[in-house]
Amino acid sequence: MNQLTKNKINIAAGKISQMKLLARFGADRRGIAAVEFAILMPLLLCIYFGSVELIQAIETNRKLSRASAQIADLISQNINTNKADIDAIMQIGTASLGSYNRSTPDFRITAIKMTDDAIPQATTLWTRNRVAGSFSSGGKAGDPGAVPATFKAKNQVVIKVETSLAYNLMLAWDGKSASKYGVAGFFSGIPMTSTYYFRPRVGDTVNCSDC
């Protein structure tokens, strides 16, 4: 038997050995559960933490809406008010968010009065803001306002409360600030807004003496 023949036999034997090894590997079921777990675990974790974040975001959005309604309701129960009282009411609205403390809500409260024209126009009586934790008076009396058509009655006064919040994900929060990196950081700062309109509940208007 020459050397060429021996080489061919060795190559054929090697291929047969590899095929047997592959067949044995394919038939071996040991460790399959660990492999399946390793494949599925990242997906399961994403679903779990994603569900937690989604539930928290929905609940925070609901609390934000309730805060807007609560502020509008409290303001509308006054005939005369002032900056200190309005600021205190906005603080109550902040407390309404409960355990969520990864960002602070901004509020804008505007008293709007419709004119006595044939087609009533919305004009601002006074405005009070809370932005990044600081209180201020925004806008001027007489500035144009905006209200839904259902509130556009002659001489009607409307309390408009606008609330906004940049929602930060729990997974991107390090205890002091939101991470700007990774997938969680990309989805941080999700804008949430809520707007409520209330008519005065005691008199025909709500006056602010120093706004």
Protein backbone atom coordinates (compact mmCIF):
# COMPACT_ATOMS: atom_id res chain seq x y z
CA MET A 1 0.00 0.00 0.00
CA ASN A 2 1.58 3.24 -1.16
CA GLN A 3 1.62 6.50 0.81
CA LEU A 4 -1.16 8.11 -1.28
CA THR A 5 -3.54 5.28 -0.47
CA LYS A 6 -2.71 5.50 3.23
CA ASN A 7 -3.43 9.25 3.21
CA LYS A 8 -6.83 8.69 1.56
CA ILE A 9 -7.71 6.03 4.14
CA ASN A 10 -6.70 8.33 6.99
CA ILE A 11 -8.78 11.20 5.56
CA ALA A 12 -11.83 8.93 5.14
CA ALA A 13 -11.40 7.59 8.67
CA GLY A 14 -11.14 11.15 10.00
CA LYS A 15 -14.38 12.17 8.26
CA ILE A 16 -16.18 9.12 9.63
CA SER A 17 -14.89 9.94 13.11
CA GLN A 18 -16.11 13.55 12.82
CA MET A 19 -19.53 12.43 11.63
CA LYS A 20 -19.80 10.01 14.56
CA LEU A 21 -18.76 12.80 16.93
CA LEU A 22 -21.36 15.17 15.50
CA ALA A 23 -24.06 12.49 15.65
CA ARG A 24 -23.19 11.75 19.26
CA PHE A 25 -23.18 15.47 20.10
CA GLY A 26 -26.59 15.92 18.49
CA ALA A 27 -28.03 12.97 20.40
CA ASP A 28 -26.59 14.12 23.74
CA ARG A 29 -29.34 15.79 25.78
CA ARG A 30 -27.25 16.57 28.83
CA GLY A 31 -27.26 20.30 29.72
CA ILE A 32 -30.05 21.21 27.30
CA ALA A 33 -32.07 22.85 30.10
CA ALA A 34 -29.12 25.10 30.95
CA VAL A 35 -28.75 26.11 27.31
CA GLU A 36 -32.46 26.93 27.01
CA PHE A 37 -32.30 28.91 30.25
CA ALA A 38 -29.29 30.90 29.02
CA ILE A 39 -31.13 31.74 25.80
CA LEU A 40 -34.46 32.69 27.39
CA MET A 41 -33.25 34.42 30.56
CA PRO A 42 -32.34 37.78 28.94
CA LEU A 43 -35.73 37.89 27.23
CA LEU A 44 -37.56 37.04 30.46
CA LEU A 45 -35.64 39.73 32.36
CA CYS A 46 -36.49 42.31 29.69
CA ILE A 47 -40.17 41.40 29.90
CA TYR A 48 -40.15 41.51 33.71
CA PHE A 49 -38.35 44.84 34.12
CA GLY A 50 -40.20 46.31 31.16
CA SER A 51 -43.53 45.41 32.78
CA VAL A 52 -42.44 46.98 36.08
CA GLU A 53 -41.39 50.21 34.32
CA LEU A 54 -44.60 50.32 32.26
CA ILE A 55 -46.82 49.88 35.34
CA GLN A 56 -44.92 52.59 37.23
CA ALA A 57 -45.12 54.98 34.26
CA ILE A 58 -48.88 54.46 33.89
CA GLU A 59 -49.43 54.97 37.61
CA THR A 60 -47.29 58.13 37.64
CA ASN A 61 -49.22 59.51 34.67
CA ARG A 62 -52.48 58.90 36.51
CA LYS A 63 -51.13 60.64 39.61
CA LEU A 64 -50.08 63.59 37.44
CA SER A 65 -53.61 63.88 36.08
CA ARG A 66 -55.04 63.69 39.59
CA ALA A 67 -52.62 66.40 40.72
CA SER A 68 -53.83 68.70 37.91
CA ALA A 69 -57.46 68.07 38.80
CA GLN A 70 -56.78 68.57 42.50
CA ILE A 71 -55.04 71.91 41.94
CA ALA A 72 -57.78 73.17 39.61
CA ASP A 73 -60.45 72.07 42.09
CA LEU A 74 -58.78 73.82 45.05
CA ILE A 75 -58.16 77.04 43.14
CA SER A 76 -61.74 77.15 41.83
CA GLN A 77 -63.12 77.04 45.37
CA ASN A 78 -61.80 80.55 46.10
CA ILE A 79 -63.15 83.95 45.21
CA ASN A 80 -60.00 85.77 46.34
CA THR A 81 -56.55 84.25 46.61
CA ASN A 82 -52.87 85.26 46.53
CA LYS A 83 -49.48 83.97 45.42
CA ALA A 84 -48.68 82.28 48.74
CA ASP A 85 -51.92 80.29 48.72
CA ILE A 86 -51.50 79.27 45.08
CA ASP A 87 -47.89 78.20 45.69
CA ALA A 88 -49.01 76.10 48.67
CA ILE A 89 -51.64 74.41 46.49
CA MET A 90 -48.99 73.58 43.88
CA GLN A 91 -46.91 72.02 46.65
CA ILE A 92 -49.89 69.82 47.48
CA GLY A 93 -50.01 68.81 43.84
CA THR A 94 -46.34 67.80 43.98
CA ALA A 95 -47.01 65.70 47.08
CA SER A 96 -49.80 63.93 45.18
CA LEU A 97 -47.18 62.09 43.13
CA GLY A 98 -46.41 60.01 46.21
CA SER A 99 -43.28 57.91 46.12
CA TYR A 100 -42.15 59.08 42.67
CA ASN A 101 -39.20 61.42 43.26
CA ARG A 102 -36.95 61.00 40.22
CA SER A 103 -38.06 64.36 38.79
CA THR A 104 -40.33 67.21 39.84
CA PRO A 105 -43.48 68.33 38.04
CA ASP A 106 -43.95 71.79 36.56
CA PHE A 107 -47.25 73.63 36.95
CA ARG A 108 -48.83 76.55 35.17
CA ILE A 109 -52.08 77.93 36.58
CA THR A 110 -53.95 80.50 34.50
CA ALA A 111 -57.20 82.30 35.20
CA ILE A 112 -58.87 83.04 31.87
CA LYS A 113 -61.92 85.19 31.23
CA MET A 114 -64.03 85.22 28.09
CA THR A 115 -64.94 88.64 26.68
CA ASP A 116 -68.47 89.93 26.16
CA ASP A 117 -68.08 90.01 22.37
CA ALA A 118 -70.45 88.29 19.97
CA ILE A 119 -67.68 85.72 19.51
CA PRO A 120 -66.10 85.61 22.99
CA GLN A 121 -62.31 85.81 23.11
CA ALA A 122 -60.19 84.27 25.87
CA THR A 123 -58.03 86.73 27.82
CA THR A 124 -55.70 86.11 30.75
CA LEU A 125 -56.54 87.47 34.21
CA TRP A 126 -53.44 86.15 36.00
CA THR A 127 -50.88 83.36 35.78
CA ARG A 128 -48.76 81.54 38.35
CA ASN A 129 -46.00 79.06 37.50
CA ARG A 130 -43.84 76.50 39.23
CA VAL A 131 -40.90 75.48 37.04
CA ALA A 132 -37.96 73.38 38.30
CA GLY A 133 -39.11 74.01 41.86
CA SER A 134 -39.17 77.82 41.51
CA PHE A 135 -42.35 79.91 41.66
CA SER A 136 -43.00 82.86 39.37
CA SER A 137 -45.73 84.93 37.77
CA GLY A 138 -45.87 84.43 34.03
CA GLY A 139 -47.73 86.33 31.36
CA LYS A 140 -49.67 89.58 31.67
CA ALA A 141 -53.29 90.41 32.27
CA GLY A 142 -55.02 90.74 28.92
CA ASP A 143 -52.77 88.29 27.09
CA PRO A 144 -54.66 85.92 24.75
CA GLY A 145 -55.68 82.62 26.30
CA ALA A 146 -56.90 79.30 25.01
CA VAL A 147 -59.81 77.19 26.28
CA PRO A 148 -61.98 74.43 24.77
CA ALA A 149 -65.12 75.44 22.90
CA THR A 150 -67.34 74.19 25.75
CA PHE A 151 -65.98 76.97 28.01
CA LYS A 152 -66.38 79.81 25.50
CA ALA A 153 -69.41 81.51 27.05
CA LYS A 154 -69.62 85.29 27.46
CA ASN A 155 -67.90 86.57 30.62
CA GLN A 156 -67.09 82.99 31.67
CA VAL A 157 -64.03 82.58 33.90
CA VAL A 158 -62.02 79.37 33.64
CA ILE A 159 -59.17 78.06 35.77
CA LYS A 160 -56.67 76.27 33.54
CA VAL A 161 -54.03 74.02 35.10
CA GLU A 162 -51.23 72.65 32.93
CA THR A 163 -48.92 70.03 34.43
CA SER A 164 -45.82 68.47 32.91
CA LEU A 165 -43.27 65.95 34.07
CA ALA A 166 -40.12 64.44 32.55
CA TYR A 167 -40.51 60.83 33.67
CA ASN A 168 -37.25 59.04 34.46
CA LEU A 169 -37.07 55.26 34.35
CA MET A 170 -36.29 53.45 37.57
CA LEU A 171 -33.63 51.33 35.81
CA ALA A 172 -31.78 54.47 34.66
CA TRP A 173 -31.82 56.14 38.09
CA ASP A 174 -28.70 56.04 40.24
CA GLY A 175 -30.27 57.70 43.27
CA LYS A 176 -29.31 61.24 42.27
CA SER A 177 -29.76 61.59 38.53
CA ALA A 178 -30.88 59.69 35.46
CA SER A 179 -28.26 57.90 33.38
CA LYS A 180 -27.82 59.13 29.81
CA TYR A 181 -26.26 55.87 28.62
CA GLY A 182 -27.66 52.57 27.41
CA VAL A 183 -31.20 51.69 26.38
CA ALA A 184 -32.70 52.77 29.74
CA GLY A 185 -30.93 56.13 29.50
CA PHE A 186 -32.27 56.62 25.97
CA PHE A 187 -35.85 56.31 27.24
CA SER A 188 -35.39 58.57 30.29
CA GLY A 189 -37.03 61.97 30.42
CA ILE A 190 -40.29 60.73 28.90
CA PRO A 191 -42.63 63.76 28.67
CA MET A 192 -45.95 63.48 30.50
CA THR A 193 -48.53 66.27 30.39
CA SER A 194 -51.97 66.93 31.78
CA THR A 195 -54.38 69.87 31.42
CA TYR A 196 -57.57 70.50 33.38
CA TYR A 197 -60.18 73.25 33.15
CA PHE A 198 -62.49 74.16 36.04
CA ARG A 199 -65.14 76.85 36.37
CA PRO A 200 -65.24 78.82 39.65
CA ARG A 201 -67.25 76.86 42.18
CA VAL A 202 -68.08 79.66 44.67
CA GLY A 203 -68.42 82.90 42.72
CA ASP A 204 -68.15 84.07 39.14
CA THR A 205 -64.39 84.58 39.20
CA VAL A 206 -61.17 83.86 41.10
CA ASN A 207 -59.12 86.96 41.86
CA CYS A 208 -55.43 86.91 42.75
CA SER A 209 -54.44 90.02 44.67
CA ASP A 210 -50.68 89.95 43.96
CA CYS A 211 -50.13 87.63 40.97
